[in-house]
Amino acid sequence: MSIKKEALQEAHKFRFWKSQMEANGMKINDIKDYYIRYRHNGEVLFAMLEVDADTPEGDKIPPALFLKGHAASMLVCLIDKETKEKFVVLVKQRRIADGSQTYEHPAGMVDASDAADDVAAREIGEEIGLHVTANELTRLNPHAWYPSTGTSDEGMHFFYIEREMTRDEIMSFHLKNMGSEAEFERITSVIATLPESQKLITNVNGLLLNFLYLKHVGDYETMKLL
């Protein structure tokens, strides 16, 4: 059974990006798409675009756009009931940046009209196997932040959740095989202390999330160890 592919112009992430551009005074003259990656259900996942657009000041804006949409990244902190020691659950997988095994906080794309906290809760369940609800999550940034404003529309939403567990329950999340074959994911969950995670993580979003969490909960002693 063939899957009908979503038209780029109908994709929520494309329409949202275009509306934001126009709301900020940009005049879009032409858009060329060079590559579109679709999800298994036919929705647009990513797109490489060339955009001819004029700024309100009368200039041309640099044209290369990697259309990704928004994403949510979540710090999952598991606290030992007896010792109160804190651990985070990371996901290990290979990434195309350099082909290495990377360690990251659970994360996922915010597609269609989904709320970022709903996506965050769902992704925690899918990536590490911990059931949480959106109202258990605490948001760490007031609105989306953009990691690469010069070449991508990607906006990040950061959250955290704390859960108290026994040490055995915490360690049950260590080296679990997770991921989705349909999304080409080969994921293993990993338990680490916060200082250990800071040494393992190499992506800027993950390093920032550690600091945002520790600042929010006022744990400056652990922050000194990062």
N, C-alpha and C. Protein backbone atom coordinates (compact mmCIF):
# COMPACT_ATOMS: atom_id res chain seq x y z
N MET A 1 0.85 -1.20 0.00
CA MET A 1 0.00 0.00 0.00
C MET A 1 0.88 1.24 0.00
N SER A 2 0.70 2.10 -1.00
CA SER A 2 1.54 3.29 -1.11
C SER A 2 1.05 4.38 -0.15
N ILE A 3 1.99 5.14 0.38
CA ILE A 3 1.69 6.22 1.31
C ILE A 3 1.70 7.54 0.54
N LYS A 4 0.67 8.33 0.69
CA LYS A 4 0.61 9.63 0.03
C LYS A 4 1.55 10.59 0.74
N LYS A 5 2.46 11.21 0.00
CA LYS A 5 3.41 12.14 0.58
C LYS A 5 2.80 13.53 0.74
N GLU A 6 3.05 14.11 1.87
CA GLU A 6 2.54 15.44 2.18
C GLU A 6 3.24 16.48 1.31
N ALA A 7 2.48 17.42 0.76
CA ALA A 7 3.07 18.52 0.00
C ALA A 7 3.81 19.45 0.95
N LEU A 8 4.99 19.93 0.54
CA LEU A 8 5.78 20.81 1.39
C LEU A 8 4.96 22.00 1.87
N GLN A 9 4.21 22.61 0.97
CA GLN A 9 3.43 23.81 1.32
C GLN A 9 2.33 23.54 2.33
N GLU A 10 1.95 22.25 2.47
CA GLU A 10 0.90 21.89 3.43
C GLU A 10 1.46 21.45 4.78
N ALA A 11 2.77 21.23 4.85
CA ALA A 11 3.39 20.77 6.10
C ALA A 11 3.29 21.85 7.17
N HIS A 12 2.94 21.43 8.39
CA HIS A 12 2.77 22.40 9.48
C HIS A 12 4.06 23.18 9.72
N LYS A 13 5.21 22.50 9.72
CA LYS A 13 6.47 23.20 10.00
C LYS A 13 6.80 24.22 8.93
N PHE A 14 6.46 23.92 7.68
CA PHE A 14 6.70 24.89 6.60
C PHE A 14 5.78 26.09 6.76
N ARG A 15 4.49 25.83 7.00
CA ARG A 15 3.54 26.93 7.14
C ARG A 15 3.86 27.80 8.35
N PHE A 16 4.30 27.17 9.45
CA PHE A 16 4.65 27.95 10.63
C PHE A 16 5.89 28.81 10.36
N TRP A 17 6.92 28.22 9.74
CA TRP A 17 8.13 29.00 9.41
C TRP A 17 7.77 30.17 8.50
N LYS A 18 6.99 29.94 7.47
CA LYS A 18 6.62 30.99 6.52
C LYS A 18 5.84 32.10 7.21
N SER A 19 4.91 31.74 8.10
CA SER A 19 4.11 32.75 8.81
C SER A 19 4.99 33.59 9.73
N GLN A 20 6.00 32.97 10.35
CA GLN A 20 6.91 33.71 11.22
C GLN A 20 7.77 34.68 10.39
N MET A 21 8.24 34.22 9.25
CA MET A 21 9.02 35.08 8.36
C MET A 21 8.21 36.31 7.96
N GLU A 22 7.00 36.09 7.54
CA GLU A 22 6.15 37.19 7.08
C GLU A 22 5.76 38.11 8.23
N ALA A 23 5.53 37.56 9.41
CA ALA A 23 5.19 38.37 10.58
C ALA A 23 6.34 39.29 10.97
N ASN A 24 7.58 38.88 10.63
CA ASN A 24 8.76 39.69 10.94
C ASN A 24 9.18 40.57 9.77
N GLY A 25 8.28 40.75 8.81
CA GLY A 25 8.51 41.71 7.74
C GLY A 25 9.26 41.20 6.54
N MET A 26 9.52 39.88 6.47
CA MET A 26 10.24 39.33 5.33
C MET A 26 9.32 39.17 4.12
N LYS A 27 9.84 39.49 2.95
CA LYS A 27 9.11 39.28 1.70
C LYS A 27 9.73 38.08 0.99
N ILE A 28 8.98 36.99 0.91
CA ILE A 28 9.47 35.76 0.28
C ILE A 28 9.11 35.80 -1.20
N ASN A 29 10.14 35.78 -2.05
CA ASN A 29 9.94 35.86 -3.50
C ASN A 29 9.87 34.48 -4.15
N ASP A 30 10.69 33.55 -3.67
CA ASP A 30 10.74 32.23 -4.29
C ASP A 30 11.35 31.23 -3.32
N ILE A 31 10.92 29.99 -3.43
CA ILE A 31 11.47 28.90 -2.60
C ILE A 31 11.71 27.70 -3.50
N LYS A 32 12.93 27.20 -3.49
CA LYS A 32 13.27 25.99 -4.23
C LYS A 32 13.57 24.88 -3.22
N ASP A 33 12.98 23.70 -3.42
CA ASP A 33 13.30 22.58 -2.54
C ASP A 33 14.24 21.63 -3.26
N TYR A 34 15.34 21.28 -2.60
CA TYR A 34 16.37 20.41 -3.17
C TYR A 34 16.30 18.99 -2.63
N TYR A 35 15.74 18.85 -1.45
CA TYR A 35 15.62 17.51 -0.86
C TYR A 35 14.56 17.55 0.22
N ILE A 36 13.69 16.54 0.23
CA ILE A 36 12.68 16.41 1.28
C ILE A 36 12.75 15.00 1.85
N ARG A 37 12.86 14.91 3.15
CA ARG A 37 12.83 13.61 3.84
C ARG A 37 11.46 13.46 4.49
N TYR A 38 10.82 12.32 4.21
CA TYR A 38 9.48 12.08 4.72
C TYR A 38 9.51 11.06 5.86
N ARG A 39 8.54 11.18 6.76
CA ARG A 39 8.32 10.14 7.75
C ARG A 39 7.70 8.92 7.08
N HIS A 40 7.64 7.82 7.83
CA HIS A 40 7.05 6.60 7.29
C HIS A 40 5.58 6.77 6.94
N ASN A 41 4.91 7.79 7.55
CA ASN A 41 3.49 8.03 7.26
C ASN A 41 3.27 9.07 6.17
N GLY A 42 4.35 9.53 5.55
CA GLY A 42 4.24 10.48 4.45
C GLY A 42 4.37 11.93 4.83
N GLU A 43 4.46 12.24 6.14
CA GLU A 43 4.62 13.63 6.57
C GLU A 43 6.04 14.12 6.29
N VAL A 44 6.16 15.42 6.02
CA VAL A 44 7.47 16.02 5.81
C VAL A 44 8.23 16.02 7.14
N LEU A 45 9.43 15.45 7.13
CA LEU A 45 10.27 15.44 8.32
C LEU A 45 11.28 16.57 8.26
N PHE A 46 12.11 16.59 7.18
CA PHE A 46 13.10 17.64 6.96
C PHE A 46 13.04 18.08 5.50
N ALA A 47 13.58 19.27 5.23
CA ALA A 47 13.69 19.72 3.85
C ALA A 47 14.88 20.67 3.71
N MET A 48 15.58 20.54 2.60
CA MET A 48 16.66 21.46 2.26
C MET A 48 16.11 22.44 1.23
N LEU A 49 16.08 23.73 1.59
CA LEU A 49 15.46 24.74 0.75
C LEU A 49 16.43 25.86 0.41
N GLU A 50 16.16 26.51 -0.72
CA GLU A 50 16.84 27.76 -1.07
C GLU A 50 15.77 28.84 -1.13
N VAL A 51 15.94 29.86 -0.32
CA VAL A 51 14.90 30.88 -0.16
C VAL A 51 15.38 32.22 -0.71
N ASP A 52 14.62 32.78 -1.62
CA ASP A 52 14.87 34.14 -2.11
C ASP A 52 13.94 35.06 -1.33
N ALA A 53 14.51 35.84 -0.41
CA ALA A 53 13.68 36.69 0.44
C ALA A 53 14.36 38.04 0.68
N ASP A 54 13.54 39.06 0.80
CA ASP A 54 14.02 40.41 1.07
C ASP A 54 13.70 40.80 2.51
N THR A 55 14.63 41.49 3.15
CA THR A 55 14.41 41.97 4.51
C THR A 55 13.65 43.30 4.47
N PRO A 56 13.05 43.70 5.61
CA PRO A 56 12.37 45.00 5.65
C PRO A 56 13.32 46.16 5.36
N GLU A 57 14.64 45.92 5.57
CA GLU A 57 15.63 46.98 5.31
C GLU A 57 16.04 47.04 3.85
N GLY A 58 15.50 46.10 3.03
CA GLY A 58 15.82 46.11 1.61
C GLY A 58 17.00 45.25 1.23
N ASP A 59 17.45 44.37 2.13
CA ASP A 59 18.58 43.48 1.84
C ASP A 59 18.07 42.08 1.47
N LYS A 60 18.99 41.27 0.96
CA LYS A 60 18.71 39.86 0.74
C LYS A 60 19.19 39.09 1.97
N ILE A 61 18.38 38.11 2.39
CA ILE A 61 18.79 37.28 3.52
C ILE A 61 19.54 36.07 2.98
N PRO A 62 20.57 35.58 3.69
CA PRO A 62 21.26 34.36 3.22
C PRO A 62 20.24 33.26 2.94
N PRO A 63 20.35 32.56 1.80
CA PRO A 63 19.25 31.75 1.29
C PRO A 63 19.13 30.32 1.78
N ALA A 64 20.18 29.73 2.36
CA ALA A 64 20.13 28.30 2.69
C ALA A 64 19.29 28.06 3.94
N LEU A 65 18.32 27.14 3.84
CA LEU A 65 17.48 26.81 4.99
C LEU A 65 17.34 25.30 5.13
N PHE A 66 17.69 24.80 6.29
CA PHE A 66 17.41 23.41 6.65
C PHE A 66 16.14 23.45 7.49
N LEU A 67 15.01 23.08 6.87
CA LEU A 67 13.72 23.12 7.55
C LEU A 67 13.58 21.90 8.45
N LYS A 68 13.54 22.12 9.76
CA LYS A 68 13.43 21.02 10.71
C LYS A 68 12.19 21.13 11.59
N GLY A 69 11.73 22.35 11.86
CA GLY A 69 10.64 22.53 12.80
C GLY A 69 11.17 22.56 14.23
N HIS A 70 10.26 22.49 15.19
CA HIS A 70 10.66 22.58 16.59
C HIS A 70 10.89 21.20 17.20
N ALA A 71 11.62 21.19 18.31
CA ALA A 71 11.92 19.94 19.01
C ALA A 71 11.89 20.19 20.51
N ALA A 72 11.68 19.12 21.25
CA ALA A 72 11.71 19.17 22.72
C ALA A 72 12.83 18.28 23.23
N SER A 73 13.54 18.76 24.25
CA SER A 73 14.61 17.98 24.88
C SER A 73 14.35 17.96 26.39
N MET A 74 14.49 16.77 26.99
CA MET A 74 14.05 16.59 28.36
C MET A 74 15.16 15.99 29.23
N LEU A 75 15.43 16.62 30.36
CA LEU A 75 16.33 16.05 31.36
C LEU A 75 15.49 15.22 32.32
N VAL A 76 15.78 13.92 32.37
CA VAL A 76 15.08 13.01 33.27
C VAL A 76 16.00 12.71 34.44
N CYS A 77 15.64 13.22 35.63
CA CYS A 77 16.46 13.05 36.82
C CYS A 77 15.81 12.03 37.74
N LEU A 78 16.52 10.93 37.98
CA LEU A 78 16.05 9.89 38.89
C LEU A 78 16.84 10.00 40.19
N ILE A 79 16.13 10.11 41.31
CA ILE A 79 16.75 10.38 42.60
C ILE A 79 16.65 9.15 43.49
N ASP A 80 17.78 8.70 44.00
CA ASP A 80 17.82 7.55 44.90
C ASP A 80 17.04 7.88 46.17
N LYS A 81 16.04 7.05 46.50
CA LYS A 81 15.18 7.31 47.66
C LYS A 81 15.97 7.38 48.97
N GLU A 82 17.00 6.57 49.09
CA GLU A 82 17.74 6.50 50.34
C GLU A 82 18.85 7.54 50.42
N THR A 83 19.68 7.64 49.38
CA THR A 83 20.85 8.52 49.44
C THR A 83 20.58 9.91 48.87
N LYS A 84 19.48 10.07 48.11
CA LYS A 84 19.12 11.32 47.42
C LYS A 84 20.12 11.66 46.31
N GLU A 85 20.96 10.69 45.94
CA GLU A 85 21.88 10.92 44.82
C GLU A 85 21.08 11.02 43.52
N LYS A 86 21.52 11.95 42.66
CA LYS A 86 20.81 12.19 41.41
C LYS A 86 21.49 11.52 40.22
N PHE A 87 20.65 10.95 39.35
CA PHE A 87 21.12 10.35 38.11
C PHE A 87 20.27 10.87 36.96
N VAL A 88 20.85 10.95 35.77
CA VAL A 88 20.07 11.29 34.59
C VAL A 88 20.08 10.11 33.64
N VAL A 89 19.02 10.02 32.84
CA VAL A 89 18.91 8.97 31.83
C VAL A 89 19.25 9.58 30.47
N LEU A 90 20.33 9.12 29.87
CA LEU A 90 20.73 9.58 28.54
C LEU A 90 20.39 8.52 27.50
N VAL A 91 20.37 8.94 26.25
CA VAL A 91 20.21 7.98 25.15
C VAL A 91 21.50 8.01 24.31
N LYS A 92 21.97 6.81 23.98
CA LYS A 92 23.19 6.67 23.18
C LYS A 92 22.83 6.19 21.78
N GLN A 93 23.33 6.90 20.78
CA GLN A 93 23.08 6.50 19.40
C GLN A 93 24.10 7.15 18.48
N ARG A 94 24.27 6.61 17.29
CA ARG A 94 25.18 7.22 16.33
C ARG A 94 24.48 8.37 15.62
N ARG A 95 25.26 9.46 15.38
CA ARG A 95 24.73 10.65 14.72
C ARG A 95 25.59 11.00 13.52
N ILE A 96 24.95 11.66 12.55
CA ILE A 96 25.62 11.94 11.29
C ILE A 96 26.64 13.09 11.40
N ALA A 97 26.63 13.82 12.52
CA ALA A 97 27.59 14.92 12.68
C ALA A 97 29.02 14.45 12.46
N ASP A 98 29.38 13.31 13.09
CA ASP A 98 30.72 12.74 12.87
C ASP A 98 30.71 11.21 12.89
N GLY A 99 29.55 10.61 13.00
CA GLY A 99 29.44 9.17 12.98
C GLY A 99 29.71 8.48 14.29
N SER A 100 30.02 9.26 15.33
CA SER A 100 30.37 8.66 16.62
C SER A 100 29.11 8.29 17.41
N GLN A 101 29.30 7.50 18.47
CA GLN A 101 28.24 7.24 19.42
C GLN A 101 28.07 8.49 20.28
N THR A 102 26.90 9.10 20.22
CA THR A 102 26.66 10.31 21.00
C THR A 102 25.77 9.99 22.20
N TYR A 103 25.90 10.81 23.23
CA TYR A 103 25.07 10.71 24.42
C TYR A 103 24.25 11.99 24.51
N GLU A 104 22.94 11.82 24.61
CA GLU A 104 22.04 12.98 24.60
C GLU A 104 20.92 12.76 25.60
N HIS A 105 20.26 13.85 25.97
CA HIS A 105 19.02 13.73 26.72
C HIS A 105 17.93 13.29 25.74
N PRO A 106 16.89 12.59 26.23
CA PRO A 106 15.78 12.24 25.35
C PRO A 106 15.24 13.48 24.65
N ALA A 107 14.85 13.33 23.40
CA ALA A 107 14.36 14.47 22.62
C ALA A 107 13.47 13.97 21.50
N GLY A 108 12.68 14.87 20.94
CA GLY A 108 11.83 14.50 19.82
C GLY A 108 11.29 15.71 19.10
N MET A 109 10.88 15.49 17.85
CA MET A 109 10.34 16.57 17.04
C MET A 109 8.93 16.93 17.50
N VAL A 110 8.64 18.23 17.50
CA VAL A 110 7.30 18.72 17.80
C VAL A 110 6.59 18.91 16.46
N ASP A 111 5.82 17.93 16.04
CA ASP A 111 5.19 17.93 14.73
C ASP A 111 3.74 18.39 14.79
N ALA A 112 3.25 18.73 13.61
CA ALA A 112 1.86 19.15 13.44
C ALA A 112 1.50 20.21 14.47
N SER A 113 0.35 20.08 15.11
CA SER A 113 -0.07 21.10 16.08
C SER A 113 0.07 20.61 17.51
N ASP A 114 0.91 19.59 17.73
CA ASP A 114 1.10 19.04 19.07
C ASP A 114 1.70 20.07 20.01
N ALA A 115 1.31 20.01 21.27
CA ALA A 115 1.93 20.85 22.30
C ALA A 115 3.29 20.27 22.65
N ALA A 116 4.26 21.15 22.90
CA ALA A 116 5.62 20.69 23.17
C ALA A 116 5.69 19.78 24.38
N ASP A 117 4.91 20.06 25.43
CA ASP A 117 4.98 19.22 26.63
C ASP A 117 4.36 17.85 26.39
N ASP A 118 3.34 17.77 25.54
CA ASP A 118 2.77 16.46 25.19
C ASP A 118 3.80 15.61 24.44
N VAL A 119 4.50 16.25 23.49
CA VAL A 119 5.54 15.55 22.75
C VAL A 119 6.64 15.09 23.69
N ALA A 120 7.04 15.97 24.61
CA ALA A 120 8.11 15.64 25.55
C ALA A 120 7.75 14.41 26.39
N ALA A 121 6.53 14.37 26.90
CA ALA A 121 6.10 13.23 27.71
C ALA A 121 6.09 11.95 26.88
N ARG A 122 5.58 12.04 25.66
CA ARG A 122 5.52 10.85 24.80
C ARG A 122 6.92 10.33 24.46
N GLU A 123 7.84 11.24 24.14
CA GLU A 123 9.19 10.84 23.76
C GLU A 123 9.95 10.20 24.91
N ILE A 124 9.71 10.65 26.14
CA ILE A 124 10.35 10.01 27.29
C ILE A 124 9.92 8.55 27.38
N GLY A 125 8.63 8.32 27.14
CA GLY A 125 8.15 6.94 27.15
C GLY A 125 8.75 6.11 26.04
N GLU A 126 8.85 6.68 24.85
CA GLU A 126 9.35 5.93 23.70
C GLU A 126 10.86 5.70 23.76
N GLU A 127 11.60 6.69 24.26
CA GLU A 127 13.07 6.60 24.19
C GLU A 127 13.71 5.92 25.39
N ILE A 128 13.08 6.03 26.57
CA ILE A 128 13.70 5.39 27.73
C ILE A 128 12.75 4.47 28.48
N GLY A 129 11.47 4.46 28.09
CA GLY A 129 10.52 3.54 28.72
C GLY A 129 9.97 3.99 30.05
N LEU A 130 10.03 5.29 30.35
CA LEU A 130 9.47 5.83 31.60
C LEU A 130 8.16 6.53 31.27
N HIS A 131 7.08 6.10 31.91
CA HIS A 131 5.77 6.73 31.65
C HIS A 131 5.65 8.01 32.47
N VAL A 132 5.42 9.13 31.77
CA VAL A 132 5.19 10.41 32.43
C VAL A 132 4.03 11.11 31.72
N THR A 133 3.44 12.08 32.39
CA THR A 133 2.40 12.90 31.77
C THR A 133 2.92 14.31 31.60
N ALA A 134 2.31 15.04 30.70
CA ALA A 134 2.77 16.40 30.38
C ALA A 134 2.76 17.31 31.60
N ASN A 135 1.76 17.14 32.48
CA ASN A 135 1.67 18.05 33.63
C ASN A 135 2.72 17.75 34.70
N GLU A 136 3.46 16.66 34.55
CA GLU A 136 4.56 16.37 35.48
C GLU A 136 5.86 17.07 35.06
N LEU A 137 5.89 17.58 33.85
CA LEU A 137 7.10 18.20 33.32
C LEU A 137 7.17 19.68 33.70
N THR A 138 8.39 20.16 33.94
CA THR A 138 8.62 21.58 34.20
C THR A 138 9.38 22.17 33.02
N ARG A 139 8.84 23.25 32.47
CA ARG A 139 9.47 23.90 31.33
C ARG A 139 10.61 24.79 31.81
N LEU A 140 11.70 24.82 31.06
CA LEU A 140 12.89 25.56 31.47
C LEU A 140 13.19 26.79 30.61
N ASN A 141 12.52 26.96 29.48
CA ASN A 141 12.68 28.20 28.71
C ASN A 141 11.30 28.74 28.35
N PRO A 142 11.12 30.06 28.37
CA PRO A 142 9.79 30.64 28.21
C PRO A 142 9.21 30.50 26.81
N HIS A 143 10.08 30.34 25.82
CA HIS A 143 9.65 30.15 24.43
C HIS A 143 10.78 29.43 23.70
N ALA A 144 10.54 29.06 22.46
CA ALA A 144 11.54 28.30 21.72
C ALA A 144 12.82 29.10 21.54
N TRP A 145 13.96 28.44 21.73
CA TRP A 145 15.27 29.03 21.45
C TRP A 145 15.86 28.37 20.22
N TYR A 146 16.59 29.16 19.40
CA TYR A 146 17.07 28.68 18.10
C TYR A 146 18.57 28.42 18.15
N PRO A 147 19.00 27.16 18.00
CA PRO A 147 20.42 26.82 18.09
C PRO A 147 21.25 27.29 16.90
N SER A 148 20.62 27.42 15.71
CA SER A 148 21.38 27.76 14.51
C SER A 148 20.57 28.68 13.63
N THR A 149 20.48 29.95 14.02
CA THR A 149 19.59 30.90 13.36
C THR A 149 19.99 31.20 11.91
N GLY A 150 21.26 30.98 11.55
CA GLY A 150 21.73 31.33 10.21
C GLY A 150 21.35 30.33 9.14
N THR A 151 21.04 29.07 9.54
CA THR A 151 20.79 28.04 8.53
C THR A 151 19.58 27.16 8.81
N SER A 152 18.90 27.31 9.95
CA SER A 152 17.81 26.40 10.28
C SER A 152 16.72 27.10 11.08
N ASP A 153 15.49 26.60 10.92
CA ASP A 153 14.35 27.11 11.69
C ASP A 153 14.16 26.36 13.00
N GLU A 154 15.02 25.39 13.29
CA GLU A 154 14.83 24.54 14.47
C GLU A 154 14.73 25.39 15.74
N GLY A 155 13.68 25.16 16.51
CA GLY A 155 13.50 25.83 17.79
C GLY A 155 13.41 24.79 18.89
N MET A 156 14.12 25.01 20.00
CA MET A 156 14.20 24.02 21.07
C MET A 156 13.34 24.42 22.27
N HIS A 157 12.63 23.41 22.81
CA HIS A 157 11.86 23.55 24.05
C HIS A 157 12.49 22.62 25.08
N PHE A 158 12.84 23.14 26.25
CA PHE A 158 13.56 22.36 27.26
C PHE A 158 12.66 22.09 28.48
N PHE A 159 12.70 20.84 28.96
CA PHE A 159 11.90 20.42 30.11
C PHE A 159 12.75 19.55 31.04
N TYR A 160 12.26 19.39 32.27
CA TYR A 160 12.85 18.38 33.15
C TYR A 160 11.76 17.72 33.98
N ILE A 161 12.10 16.54 34.50
CA ILE A 161 11.23 15.84 35.44
C ILE A 161 12.12 15.14 36.46
N GLU A 162 11.69 15.11 37.71
CA GLU A 162 12.38 14.38 38.77
C GLU A 162 11.47 13.26 39.27
N ARG A 163 12.08 12.09 39.52
CA ARG A 163 11.35 10.97 40.11
C ARG A 163 12.24 10.31 41.16
N GLU A 164 11.67 10.02 42.33
CA GLU A 164 12.40 9.25 43.34
C GLU A 164 12.15 7.77 43.11
N MET A 165 13.24 6.96 43.19
CA MET A 165 13.15 5.52 42.98
C MET A 165 14.18 4.83 43.84
N THR A 166 14.05 3.53 43.95
CA THR A 166 15.11 2.76 44.60
C THR A 166 16.30 2.70 43.64
N ARG A 167 17.47 2.37 44.17
CA ARG A 167 18.65 2.26 43.31
C ARG A 167 18.45 1.18 42.23
N ASP A 168 17.82 0.07 42.60
CA ASP A 168 17.58 -1.00 41.64
C ASP A 168 16.67 -0.53 40.52
N GLU A 169 15.63 0.23 40.87
CA GLU A 169 14.72 0.75 39.85
C GLU A 169 15.44 1.71 38.91
N ILE A 170 16.31 2.54 39.47
CA ILE A 170 17.09 3.46 38.64
C ILE A 170 17.98 2.71 37.67
N MET A 171 18.68 1.71 38.17
CA MET A 171 19.63 0.98 37.33
C MET A 171 18.93 0.10 36.29
N SER A 172 17.64 -0.11 36.45
CA SER A 172 16.92 -0.90 35.45
C SER A 172 16.84 -0.16 34.11
N PHE A 173 17.11 1.15 34.12
CA PHE A 173 17.10 1.93 32.88
C PHE A 173 18.47 1.92 32.18
N HIS A 174 19.45 1.30 32.82
CA HIS A 174 20.80 1.31 32.25
C HIS A 174 20.94 0.23 31.17
N LEU A 175 21.39 0.66 29.99
CA LEU A 175 21.65 -0.22 28.85
C LEU A 175 20.41 -0.95 28.34
N LYS A 176 19.26 -0.23 28.34
CA LYS A 176 18.05 -0.76 27.71
C LYS A 176 18.09 -0.45 26.22
N ASN A 177 17.71 -1.41 25.40
CA ASN A 177 17.64 -1.19 23.95
C ASN A 177 16.29 -0.59 23.59
N MET A 178 16.34 0.61 23.05
CA MET A 178 15.12 1.33 22.69
C MET A 178 15.22 1.75 21.22
N GLY A 179 14.31 2.62 20.76
CA GLY A 179 14.40 3.14 19.40
C GLY A 179 13.32 2.56 18.50
N SER A 180 13.20 3.17 17.30
CA SER A 180 12.20 2.79 16.33
C SER A 180 12.86 2.47 15.00
N GLU A 181 12.62 1.25 14.50
CA GLU A 181 13.21 0.88 13.22
C GLU A 181 12.66 1.74 12.09
N ALA A 182 11.38 2.13 12.19
CA ALA A 182 10.78 2.95 11.14
C ALA A 182 11.46 4.30 11.03
N GLU A 183 12.00 4.81 12.15
CA GLU A 183 12.68 6.10 12.15
C GLU A 183 14.20 5.94 12.10
N PHE A 184 14.68 4.72 11.82
CA PHE A 184 16.11 4.43 11.75
C PHE A 184 16.82 4.76 13.06
N GLU A 185 16.16 4.47 14.18
CA GLU A 185 16.74 4.73 15.49
C GLU A 185 17.31 3.46 16.10
N ARG A 186 18.54 3.52 16.55
CA ARG A 186 19.16 2.44 17.30
C ARG A 186 19.63 3.05 18.60
N ILE A 187 18.81 2.97 19.61
CA ILE A 187 19.02 3.73 20.84
C ILE A 187 19.25 2.79 22.02
N THR A 188 20.21 3.16 22.88
CA THR A 188 20.43 2.48 24.15
C THR A 188 20.37 3.53 25.26
N SER A 189 19.59 3.27 26.30
CA SER A 189 19.52 4.22 27.41
C SER A 189 20.69 3.97 28.36
N VAL A 190 21.18 5.04 28.97
CA VAL A 190 22.37 4.98 29.83
C VAL A 190 22.11 5.82 31.08
N ILE A 191 22.46 5.27 32.24
CA ILE A 191 22.36 6.00 33.51
C ILE A 191 23.70 6.64 33.84
N ALA A 192 23.67 7.92 34.21
CA ALA A 192 24.90 8.63 34.58
C ALA A 192 24.58 9.68 35.64
N THR A 193 25.57 10.05 36.45
CA THR A 193 25.41 11.20 37.33
C THR A 193 25.48 12.45 36.46
N LEU A 194 25.08 13.57 37.00
CA LEU A 194 25.13 14.81 36.22
C LEU A 194 26.55 15.18 35.80
N PRO A 195 27.54 15.12 36.71
CA PRO A 195 28.92 15.40 36.26
C PRO A 195 29.39 14.42 35.19
N GLU A 196 29.03 13.14 35.31
CA GLU A 196 29.40 12.16 34.29
C GLU A 196 28.74 12.51 32.96
N SER A 197 27.47 12.93 33.02
CA SER A 197 26.76 13.25 31.79
C SER A 197 27.39 14.44 31.07
N GLN A 198 27.91 15.38 31.83
CA GLN A 198 28.53 16.56 31.23
C GLN A 198 29.77 16.18 30.43
N LYS A 199 30.45 15.11 30.85
CA LYS A 199 31.63 14.64 30.12
C LYS A 199 31.24 13.81 28.89
N LEU A 200 30.08 13.13 28.96
CA LEU A 200 29.65 12.28 27.87
C LEU A 200 28.98 13.06 26.74
N ILE A 201 28.20 14.07 27.10
CA ILE A 201 27.40 14.81 26.12
C ILE A 201 28.30 15.74 25.30
N THR A 202 28.09 15.74 23.98
CA THR A 202 28.87 16.63 23.10
C THR A 202 28.00 17.61 22.32
N ASN A 203 26.67 17.52 22.45
CA ASN A 203 25.83 18.50 21.74
C ASN A 203 25.49 19.66 22.67
N VAL A 204 25.44 20.85 22.09
CA VAL A 204 25.26 22.08 22.87
C VAL A 204 23.93 22.09 23.61
N ASN A 205 22.86 21.58 22.97
CA ASN A 205 21.56 21.56 23.63
C ASN A 205 21.60 20.76 24.93
N GLY A 206 22.28 19.62 24.90
CA GLY A 206 22.36 18.78 26.09
C GLY A 206 23.15 19.41 27.21
N LEU A 207 24.27 20.06 26.87
CA LEU A 207 25.08 20.72 27.88
C LEU A 207 24.32 21.89 28.50
N LEU A 208 23.61 22.64 27.66
CA LEU A 208 22.80 23.75 28.16
C LEU A 208 21.71 23.26 29.09
N LEU A 209 21.07 22.14 28.72
CA LEU A 209 19.98 21.61 29.53
C LEU A 209 20.44 21.25 30.93
N ASN A 210 21.65 20.68 31.07
CA ASN A 210 22.19 20.40 32.40
C ASN A 210 22.23 21.65 33.27
N PHE A 211 22.77 22.75 32.70
CA PHE A 211 22.89 23.99 33.46
C PHE A 211 21.52 24.60 33.75
N LEU A 212 20.60 24.56 32.79
CA LEU A 212 19.27 25.11 33.01
C LEU A 212 18.57 24.40 34.17
N TYR A 213 18.70 23.07 34.20
CA TYR A 213 18.07 22.30 35.27
C TYR A 213 18.68 22.64 36.62
N LEU A 214 20.01 22.62 36.71
CA LEU A 214 20.66 22.87 38.00
C LEU A 214 20.40 24.29 38.50
N LYS A 215 20.34 25.24 37.59
CA LYS A 215 20.01 26.62 37.98
C LYS A 215 18.58 26.68 38.50
N HIS A 216 17.66 26.00 37.82
CA HIS A 216 16.25 26.06 38.20
C HIS A 216 16.03 25.47 39.59
N VAL A 217 16.70 24.36 39.92
CA VAL A 217 16.50 23.72 41.22
C VAL A 217 17.46 24.27 42.27
N GLY A 218 18.36 25.18 41.88
CA GLY A 218 19.28 25.80 42.82
C GLY A 218 20.39 24.88 43.31
N ASP A 219 20.77 23.90 42.50
CA ASP A 219 21.83 22.95 42.89
C ASP A 219 23.18 23.45 42.37
N TYR A 220 23.70 24.47 43.02
CA TYR A 220 24.94 25.09 42.55
C TYR A 220 26.18 24.28 42.93
N GLU A 221 26.05 23.44 43.93
CA GLU A 221 27.19 22.58 44.30
C GLU A 221 27.48 21.57 43.19
N THR A 222 26.42 20.96 42.66
CA THR A 222 26.63 20.05 41.53
C THR A 222 27.09 20.81 40.30
N MET A 223 26.56 22.02 40.11
CA MET A 223 26.96 22.82 38.95
C MET A 223 28.47 23.07 38.96
N LYS A 224 29.06 23.23 40.16
CA LYS A 224 30.51 23.46 40.25
C LYS A 224 31.31 22.27 39.77
N LEU A 225 30.69 21.08 39.78
CA LEU A 225 31.39 19.87 39.39
C LEU A 225 31.35 19.61 37.89
N LEU A 226 30.54 20.37 37.18
CA LEU A 226 30.39 20.14 35.74
C LEU A 226 31.60 20.66 34.97
